Amino acid sequence: MTEDAQILIARLLAHQTLRREDKLVKRALSDEIFRTELDTRLKACGMKFIDNVYADYVTLALTRDSESKVFGTKETWQNNNFGLARDGVALLVVLWSLIILPKRERQEAHQLAEEDQNDMFGKEKPLPRAEDTSIGISYRALLADFGDKLGKKTRMDMNLGQLARVGFIERKGDMILEGPLLDLLMDTDTLKDRIINGALSDIFHLPAPRTPAVIATATDIATDDDVRSNEEAVPDPE
């Protein structure tokens, strides 16, 4: 068992994410004794195992106790190890709200992406996988709606490229799709009440409409200070 825990941790460090269907990942999600050993070994290194029932992947992150020692070693606090600027953080919030929130609604309704209506007996079925319910958004629509607020085309393209490189999103033609990390590294409970007065208000310079969707979007990244630990606590394999 010790060797299996060691192998799983090493693979997550090397690959950043693993699918939930992976043999050792499935064991970590279902075997309480194995999960306890995994968590103990990770905690000793200042890390934790991250999984989310709505996501198809798992990853690693820093524990809260180790954040200051990792991100606060220089004169200024390093808010993330992706190098995201504030407009990049705001773009990440927007993408999460446009892609993940609708996906979660479909998952909870047991509705697949191609279905027009809910299955009457869907609640008896397992929660659908992200890849079966996540639709993505059009790049042209994103640019039209948010380009002026997020640095226009050149700046937004640069931030989209960075988000794609680290695994938050995937690009397929005109479509921007959910990447392995987009629904994993957002601390919904902690950040829900902060985002309206955080990154979005700083970047957009206007009050965000307090609709359920926008407020729930706030669920995921609020200020740069909040982003530092949720956005990527996963170590760079390099």
C-alpha atoms as a PDB file:
ATOM      1  CA  MET A   1       0.000   0.000   0.000  1.00  0.00           C
ATOM      2  CA  THR A   2       2.850   2.353   0.819  1.00  0.00           C
ATOM      3  CA  GLU A   3       4.341   1.819  -2.616  1.00  0.00           C
ATOM      4  CA  ASP A   4       0.997   2.503  -4.317  1.00  0.00           C
ATOM      5  CA  ALA A   5       0.595   5.784  -2.433  1.00  0.00           C
ATOM      6  CA  GLN A   6       4.116   6.771  -3.399  1.00  0.00           C
ATOM      7  CA  ILE A   7       3.479   5.939  -7.046  1.00  0.00           C
ATOM      8  CA  LEU A   8       0.220   7.908  -7.140  1.00  0.00           C
ATOM      9  CA  ILE A   9       1.853  10.991  -5.625  1.00  0.00           C
ATOM     10  CA  ALA A  10       4.799  10.757  -8.017  1.00  0.00           C
ATOM     11  CA  ARG A  11       2.489  10.448 -11.020  1.00  0.00           C
ATOM     12  CA  LEU A  12       0.446  13.456  -9.929  1.00  0.00           C
ATOM     13  CA  LEU A  13       3.613  15.505  -9.481  1.00  0.00           C
ATOM     14  CA  ALA A  14       4.834  14.461 -12.916  1.00  0.00           C
ATOM     15  CA  HIS A  15       1.569  14.800 -14.835  1.00  0.00           C
ATOM     16  CA  GLN A  16      -0.235  17.457 -12.737  1.00  0.00           C
ATOM     17  CA  THR A  17      -3.635  15.760 -13.224  1.00  0.00           C
ATOM     18  CA  LEU A  18      -4.953  12.207 -13.532  1.00  0.00           C
ATOM     19  CA  ARG A  19      -8.394  11.033 -14.608  1.00  0.00           C
ATOM     20  CA  ARG A  20     -10.814   9.711 -12.008  1.00  0.00           C
ATOM     21  CA  GLU A  21     -10.946   6.419 -13.940  1.00  0.00           C
ATOM     22  CA  ASP A  22      -7.254   5.784 -13.220  1.00  0.00           C
ATOM     23  CA  LYS A  23      -6.850   2.636 -11.103  1.00  0.00           C
ATOM     24  CA  LEU A  24      -4.956   4.268  -8.223  1.00  0.00           C
ATOM     25  CA  VAL A  25      -7.147   7.379  -8.316  1.00  0.00           C
ATOM     26  CA  LYS A  26     -10.260   5.230  -8.031  1.00  0.00           C
ATOM     27  CA  ARG A  27      -8.660   3.520  -5.059  1.00  0.00           C
ATOM     28  CA  ALA A  28      -7.896   6.859  -3.413  1.00  0.00           C
ATOM     29  CA  LEU A  29     -11.535   7.860  -3.861  1.00  0.00           C
ATOM     30  CA  SER A  30     -13.018   4.633  -2.536  1.00  0.00           C
ATOM     31  CA  ASP A  31     -10.520   3.051  -0.112  1.00  0.00           C
ATOM     32  CA  GLU A  32     -10.571   4.938   3.198  1.00  0.00           C
ATOM     33  CA  ILE A  33      -7.383   3.342   4.535  1.00  0.00           C
ATOM     34  CA  PHE A  34      -5.459   4.065   1.327  1.00  0.00           C
ATOM     35  CA  ARG A  35      -6.778   7.646   1.249  1.00  0.00           C
ATOM     36  CA  THR A  36      -5.693   8.202   4.857  1.00  0.00           C
ATOM     37  CA  GLU A  37      -2.168   7.051   4.043  1.00  0.00           C
ATOM     38  CA  LEU A  38      -2.118   9.225   0.918  1.00  0.00           C
ATOM     39  CA  ASP A  39      -3.291  12.295   2.836  1.00  0.00           C
ATOM     40  CA  THR A  40      -0.753  11.680   5.610  1.00  0.00           C
ATOM     41  CA  ARG A  41       2.157  11.440   3.185  1.00  0.00           C
ATOM     42  CA  LEU A  42       1.052  14.566   1.324  1.00  0.00           C
ATOM     43  CA  LYS A  43       0.477  16.571   4.502  1.00  0.00           C
ATOM     44  CA  ALA A  44       4.030  15.834   5.578  1.00  0.00           C
ATOM     45  CA  CYS A  45       5.140  17.644   2.412  1.00  0.00           C
ATOM     46  CA  GLY A  46       2.696  20.557   2.801  1.00  0.00           C
ATOM     47  CA  MET A  47       0.346  19.287   0.115  1.00  0.00           C
ATOM     48  CA  LYS A  48      -3.144  17.851  -0.253  1.00  0.00           C
ATOM     49  CA  PHE A  49      -5.098  15.692  -2.691  1.00  0.00           C
ATOM     50  CA  ILE A  50      -7.788  17.587  -4.630  1.00  0.00           C
ATOM     51  CA  ASP A  51     -10.846  15.907  -6.109  1.00  0.00           C
ATOM     52  CA  ASN A  52     -14.246  17.218  -7.097  1.00  0.00           C
ATOM     53  CA  VAL A  53     -17.298  15.128  -7.889  1.00  0.00           C
ATOM     54  CA  TYR A  54     -18.082  17.480 -10.798  1.00  0.00           C
ATOM     55  CA  ALA A  55     -14.629  17.110 -12.387  1.00  0.00           C
ATOM     56  CA  ASP A  56     -13.144  14.261 -14.426  1.00  0.00           C
ATOM     57  CA  TYR A  57      -9.635  14.761 -13.002  1.00  0.00           C
ATOM     58  CA  VAL A  58      -7.793  14.965  -9.671  1.00  0.00           C
ATOM     59  CA  THR A  59      -4.710  16.987  -8.780  1.00  0.00           C
ATOM     60  CA  LEU A  60      -2.519  18.201  -5.884  1.00  0.00           C
ATOM     61  CA  ALA A  61      -2.443  21.554  -4.114  1.00  0.00           C
ATOM     62  CA  LEU A  62      -0.591  23.279  -1.293  1.00  0.00           C
ATOM     63  CA  THR A  63      -2.136  23.189   2.160  1.00  0.00           C
ATOM     64  CA  ARG A  64      -3.090  26.519   3.719  1.00  0.00           C
ATOM     65  CA  ASP A  65      -0.367  26.157   6.328  1.00  0.00           C
ATOM     66  CA  SER A  66       2.377  25.941   3.709  1.00  0.00           C
ATOM     67  CA  GLU A  67       1.221  28.843   1.505  1.00  0.00           C
ATOM     68  CA  SER A  68       3.083  31.623   3.298  1.00  0.00           C
ATOM     69  CA  LYS A  69       6.313  29.641   3.257  1.00  0.00           C
ATOM     70  CA  VAL A  70       5.989  28.991  -0.472  1.00  0.00           C
ATOM     71  CA  PHE A  71       4.448  32.200  -1.783  1.00  0.00           C
ATOM     72  CA  GLY A  72       5.686  34.686   0.798  1.00  0.00           C
ATOM     73  CA  THR A  73       9.425  34.078   0.688  1.00  0.00           C
ATOM     74  CA  LYS A  74      10.156  37.211  -1.350  1.00  0.00           C
ATOM     75  CA  GLU A  75       9.533  40.862  -0.539  1.00  0.00           C
ATOM     76  CA  THR A  76       6.193  40.756  -2.336  1.00  0.00           C
ATOM     77  CA  TRP A  77       3.643  37.981  -1.999  1.00  0.00           C
ATOM     78  CA  GLN A  78       3.584  35.750  -5.067  1.00  0.00           C
ATOM     79  CA  ASN A  79      -0.134  35.415  -5.719  1.00  0.00           C
ATOM     80  CA  ASN A  80       0.153  32.417  -8.035  1.00  0.00           C
ATOM     81  CA  ASN A  81       2.801  30.354  -9.774  1.00  0.00           C
ATOM     82  CA  PHE A  82       1.160  30.770 -13.165  1.00  0.00           C
ATOM     83  CA  GLY A  83       2.245  34.384 -13.522  1.00  0.00           C
ATOM     84  CA  LEU A  84      -1.337  35.500 -14.115  1.00  0.00           C
ATOM     85  CA  ALA A  85      -1.970  39.234 -13.988  1.00  0.00           C
ATOM     86  CA  ARG A  86      -5.206  40.607 -12.571  1.00  0.00           C
ATOM     87  CA  ASP A  87      -6.916  40.646 -15.959  1.00  0.00           C
ATOM     88  CA  GLY A  88      -5.876  37.024 -16.407  1.00  0.00           C
ATOM     89  CA  VAL A  89      -7.437  36.166 -13.056  1.00  0.00           C
ATOM     90  CA  ALA A  90     -10.635  37.982 -14.046  1.00  0.00           C
ATOM     91  CA  LEU A  91     -10.713  36.106 -17.370  1.00  0.00           C
ATOM     92  CA  LEU A  92     -10.367  32.837 -15.474  1.00  0.00           C
ATOM     93  CA  VAL A  93     -13.377  33.801 -13.331  1.00  0.00           C
ATOM     94  CA  VAL A  94     -15.441  34.639 -16.401  1.00  0.00           C
ATOM     95  CA  LEU A  95     -14.549  31.358 -18.085  1.00  0.00           C
ATOM     96  CA  TRP A  96     -15.428  29.404 -14.957  1.00  0.00           C
ATOM     97  CA  SER A  97     -18.823  31.071 -14.774  1.00  0.00           C
ATOM     98  CA  LEU A  98     -19.627  30.549 -18.457  1.00  0.00           C
ATOM     99  CA  ILE A  99     -18.410  26.958 -18.715  1.00  0.00           C
ATOM    100  CA  ILE A 100     -18.525  25.317 -15.292  1.00  0.00           C
ATOM    101  CA  LEU A 101     -21.743  26.691 -13.810  1.00  0.00           C
ATOM    102  CA  PRO A 102     -23.945  25.503 -16.714  1.00  0.00           C
ATOM    103  CA  LYS A 103     -22.101  22.179 -16.704  1.00  0.00           C
ATOM    104  CA  ARG A 104     -22.780  21.684 -12.999  1.00  0.00           C
ATOM    105  CA  GLU A 105     -26.450  22.463 -13.513  1.00  0.00           C
ATOM    106  CA  ARG A 106     -26.644  19.828 -16.233  1.00  0.00           C
ATOM    107  CA  GLN A 107     -24.790  17.314 -14.054  1.00  0.00           C
ATOM    108  CA  GLU A 108     -27.113  17.876 -11.113  1.00  0.00           C
ATOM    109  CA  ALA A 109     -30.102  17.521 -13.441  1.00  0.00           C
ATOM    110  CA  HIS A 110     -28.516  14.375 -14.960  1.00  0.00           C
ATOM    111  CA  GLN A 111     -28.774  16.015 -18.366  1.00  0.00           C
ATOM    112  CA  LEU A 112     -26.177  15.368 -21.069  1.00  0.00           C
ATOM    113  CA  ALA A 113     -24.871  18.208 -23.208  1.00  0.00           C
ATOM    114  CA  GLU A 114     -26.733  17.071 -26.335  1.00  0.00           C
ATOM    115  CA  GLU A 115     -30.061  16.517 -24.560  1.00  0.00           C
ATOM    116  CA  ASP A 116     -32.839  19.074 -24.849  1.00  0.00           C
ATOM    117  CA  GLN A 117     -34.665  18.016 -21.706  1.00  0.00           C
ATOM    118  CA  ASN A 118     -34.110  16.145 -18.497  1.00  0.00           C
ATOM    119  CA  ASP A 119     -34.561  12.433 -18.182  1.00  0.00           C
ATOM    120  CA  MET A 120     -37.587  11.776 -15.958  1.00  0.00           C
ATOM    121  CA  PHE A 121     -35.686   8.989 -14.222  1.00  0.00           C
ATOM    122  CA  GLY A 122     -32.256  10.614 -14.455  1.00  0.00           C
ATOM    123  CA  LYS A 123     -31.905  11.152 -10.721  1.00  0.00           C
ATOM    124  CA  GLU A 124     -31.490   7.413 -10.305  1.00  0.00           C
ATOM    125  CA  LYS A 125     -28.418   7.420 -12.552  1.00  0.00           C
ATOM    126  CA  PRO A 126     -24.831   8.276 -11.561  1.00  0.00           C
ATOM    127  CA  LEU A 127     -23.737  11.899 -11.878  1.00  0.00           C
ATOM    128  CA  PRO A 128     -22.768  12.443 -15.536  1.00  0.00           C
ATOM    129  CA  ARG A 129     -19.088  13.004 -16.299  1.00  0.00           C
ATOM    130  CA  ALA A 130     -17.802  16.467 -17.106  1.00  0.00           C
ATOM    131  CA  GLU A 131     -16.876  15.505 -20.665  1.00  0.00           C
ATOM    132  CA  ASP A 132     -20.504  14.477 -21.291  1.00  0.00           C
ATOM    133  CA  THR A 133     -22.017  17.698 -19.932  1.00  0.00           C
ATOM    134  CA  SER A 134     -19.444  20.446 -20.560  1.00  0.00           C
ATOM    135  CA  ILE A 135     -20.123  22.452 -23.714  1.00  0.00           C
ATOM    136  CA  GLY A 136     -17.654  25.345 -23.790  1.00  0.00           C
ATOM    137  CA  ILE A 137     -18.069  28.822 -25.251  1.00  0.00           C
ATOM    138  CA  SER A 138     -17.279  30.570 -28.503  1.00  0.00           C
ATOM    139  CA  TYR A 139     -14.084  32.640 -28.599  1.00  0.00           C
ATOM    140  CA  ARG A 140     -15.783  35.233 -30.785  1.00  0.00           C
ATOM    141  CA  ALA A 141     -18.660  35.572 -28.319  1.00  0.00           C
ATOM    142  CA  LEU A 142     -16.215  35.910 -25.411  1.00  0.00           C
ATOM    143  CA  LEU A 143     -14.252  38.583 -27.264  1.00  0.00           C
ATOM    144  CA  ALA A 144     -17.405  40.497 -28.155  1.00  0.00           C
ATOM    145  CA  ASP A 145     -18.794  40.414 -24.621  1.00  0.00           C
ATOM    146  CA  PHE A 146     -15.632  40.872 -22.552  1.00  0.00           C
ATOM    147  CA  GLY A 147     -12.815  41.968 -24.854  1.00  0.00           C
ATOM    148  CA  ASP A 148     -13.025  45.661 -23.978  1.00  0.00           C
ATOM    149  CA  LYS A 149     -12.994  44.866 -20.264  1.00  0.00           C
ATOM    150  CA  LEU A 150     -10.162  42.349 -20.384  1.00  0.00           C
ATOM    151  CA  GLY A 151      -7.477  44.175 -22.311  1.00  0.00           C
ATOM    152  CA  LYS A 152      -8.906  43.813 -25.824  1.00  0.00           C
ATOM    153  CA  LYS A 153      -7.967  41.074 -28.280  1.00  0.00           C
ATOM    154  CA  THR A 154      -4.179  41.042 -27.908  1.00  0.00           C
ATOM    155  CA  ARG A 155      -4.196  40.896 -24.126  1.00  0.00           C
ATOM    156  CA  MET A 156      -7.068  38.421 -23.953  1.00  0.00           C
ATOM    157  CA  ASP A 157      -5.379  36.138 -26.496  1.00  0.00           C
ATOM    158  CA  MET A 158      -2.207  36.163 -24.412  1.00  0.00           C
ATOM    159  CA  ASN A 159      -4.099  35.248 -21.237  1.00  0.00           C
ATOM    160  CA  LEU A 160      -6.094  32.545 -23.029  1.00  0.00           C
ATOM    161  CA  GLY A 161      -2.853  31.046 -24.279  1.00  0.00           C
ATOM    162  CA  GLN A 162      -1.446  30.981 -20.763  1.00  0.00           C
ATOM    163  CA  LEU A 163      -4.612  29.409 -19.326  1.00  0.00           C
ATOM    164  CA  ALA A 164      -4.475  26.757 -22.041  1.00  0.00           C
ATOM    165  CA  ARG A 165      -0.808  25.956 -21.388  1.00  0.00           C
ATOM    166  CA  VAL A 166      -1.354  25.286 -17.689  1.00  0.00           C
ATOM    167  CA  GLY A 167      -4.511  23.219 -18.163  1.00  0.00           C
ATOM    168  CA  PHE A 168      -7.422  25.471 -17.224  1.00  0.00           C
ATOM    169  CA  ILE A 169      -8.887  25.467 -20.735  1.00  0.00           C
ATOM    170  CA  GLU A 170      -8.515  23.750 -24.097  1.00  0.00           C
ATOM    171  CA  ARG A 171      -8.884  25.384 -27.515  1.00  0.00           C
ATOM    172  CA  LYS A 172     -10.565  23.615 -30.436  1.00  0.00           C
ATOM    173  CA  GLY A 173     -11.081  25.947 -33.351  1.00  0.00           C
ATOM    174  CA  ASP A 174     -13.370  28.765 -32.243  1.00  0.00           C
ATOM    175  CA  MET A 175     -14.421  26.924 -29.083  1.00  0.00           C
ATOM    176  CA  ILE A 176     -12.942  27.357 -25.602  1.00  0.00           C
ATOM    177  CA  LEU A 177     -13.480  24.160 -23.612  1.00  0.00           C
ATOM    178  CA  GLU A 178     -13.018  23.065 -20.017  1.00  0.00           C
ATOM    179  CA  GLY A 179      -9.496  21.915 -19.201  1.00  0.00           C
ATOM    180  CA  PRO A 180      -8.515  19.436 -16.470  1.00  0.00           C
ATOM    181  CA  LEU A 181      -7.980  22.140 -13.808  1.00  0.00           C
ATOM    182  CA  LEU A 182     -10.876  24.529 -14.449  1.00  0.00           C
ATOM    183  CA  ASP A 183     -13.306  22.804 -12.091  1.00  0.00           C
ATOM    184  CA  LEU A 184     -10.684  21.578  -9.632  1.00  0.00           C
ATOM    185  CA  LEU A 185      -8.789  24.568  -8.299  1.00  0.00           C
ATOM    186  CA  MET A 186     -11.600  26.960  -7.454  1.00  0.00           C
ATOM    187  CA  ASP A 187     -12.436  27.169  -3.747  1.00  0.00           C
ATOM    188  CA  THR A 188     -16.143  27.731  -4.141  1.00  0.00           C
ATOM    189  CA  ASP A 189     -17.117  27.895  -0.465  1.00  0.00           C
ATOM    190  CA  THR A 190     -14.312  30.241   0.574  1.00  0.00           C
ATOM    191  CA  LEU A 191     -14.523  32.697  -2.311  1.00  0.00           C
ATOM    192  CA  LYS A 192     -18.241  32.874  -3.035  1.00  0.00           C
ATOM    193  CA  ASP A 193     -18.921  36.081  -1.105  1.00  0.00           C
ATOM    194  CA  ARG A 194     -15.748  37.903  -2.168  1.00  0.00           C
ATOM    195  CA  ILE A 195     -15.521  37.918  -5.907  1.00  0.00           C
ATOM    196  CA  ILE A 196     -18.027  40.674  -6.614  1.00  0.00           C
ATOM    197  CA  ASN A 197     -15.706  43.070  -4.765  1.00  0.00           C
ATOM    198  CA  GLY A 198     -12.541  41.376  -5.977  1.00  0.00           C
ATOM    199  CA  ALA A 199     -11.011  40.734  -9.366  1.00  0.00           C
ATOM    200  CA  LEU A 200     -14.126  41.484 -11.416  1.00  0.00           C
ATOM    201  CA  SER A 201     -14.827  44.877  -9.900  1.00  0.00           C
ATOM    202  CA  ASP A 202     -11.151  45.873 -10.114  1.00  0.00           C
ATOM    203  CA  ILE A 203     -10.878  44.936 -13.774  1.00  0.00           C
ATOM    204  CA  PHE A 204     -14.336  45.881 -15.047  1.00  0.00           C
ATOM    205  CA  HIS A 205     -14.714  49.071 -12.970  1.00  0.00           C
ATOM    206  CA  LEU A 206     -18.456  48.563 -12.759  1.00  0.00           C
ATOM    207  CA  PRO A 207     -20.845  46.819 -10.363  1.00  0.00           C
ATOM    208  CA  ALA A 208     -21.472  43.246 -11.415  1.00  0.00           C
ATOM    209  CA  PRO A 209     -25.129  42.300 -11.904  1.00  0.00           C
ATOM    210  CA  ARG A 210     -26.166  40.291  -8.856  1.00  0.00           C
ATOM    211  CA  THR A 211     -27.861  37.483 -10.728  1.00  0.00           C
ATOM    212  CA  PRO A 212     -27.595  33.952  -9.376  1.00  0.00           C
ATOM    213  CA  ALA A 213     -25.148  33.039 -12.137  1.00  0.00           C
ATOM    214  CA  VAL A 214     -22.827  35.964 -11.464  1.00  0.00           C
ATOM    215  CA  ILE A 215     -22.973  35.533  -7.705  1.00  0.00           C
ATOM    216  CA  ALA A 216     -22.192  31.865  -8.126  1.00  0.00           C
ATOM    217  CA  THR A 217     -19.361  32.837 -10.417  1.00  0.00           C
ATOM    218  CA  ALA A 218     -18.008  34.762  -7.519  1.00  0.00           C
ATOM    219  CA  THR A 219     -17.765  31.364  -6.091  1.00  0.00           C
ATOM    220  CA  ASP A 220     -14.470  30.814  -7.626  1.00  0.00           C
ATOM    221  CA  ILE A 221     -11.817  33.415  -7.752  1.00  0.00           C
ATOM    222  CA  ALA A 222     -12.183  36.677  -5.939  1.00  0.00           C
ATOM    223  CA  THR A 223      -9.059  38.615  -5.360  1.00  0.00           C
ATOM    224  CA  ASP A 224      -5.463  37.968  -6.264  1.00  0.00           C
ATOM    225  CA  ASP A 225      -4.816  37.008  -2.646  1.00  0.00           C
ATOM    226  CA  ASP A 226      -7.470  34.308  -2.831  1.00  0.00           C
ATOM    227  CA  VAL A 227      -6.289  33.026  -6.182  1.00  0.00           C
ATOM    228  CA  ARG A 228      -2.777  32.271  -5.017  1.00  0.00           C
ATOM    229  CA  SER A 229      -3.647  29.024  -3.270  1.00  0.00           C
ATOM    230  CA  ASN A 230      -6.578  27.772  -5.302  1.00  0.00           C
ATOM    231  CA  GLU A 231      -5.392  28.611  -8.727  1.00  0.00           C
ATOM    232  CA  GLU A 232      -2.354  26.668  -8.612  1.00  0.00           C
ATOM    233  CA  ALA A 233      -0.971  25.142  -5.745  1.00  0.00           C
ATOM    234  CA  VAL A 234       0.069  22.287  -7.964  1.00  0.00           C
ATOM    235  CA  PRO A 235       3.837  22.265  -8.404  1.00  0.00           C
ATOM    236  CA  ASP A 236       5.245  22.770 -11.839  1.00  0.00           C
ATOM    237  CA  PRO A 237       6.663  19.404 -12.977  1.00  0.00           C
ATOM    238  CA  GLU A 238       9.793  21.235 -14.042  1.00  0.00           C
END
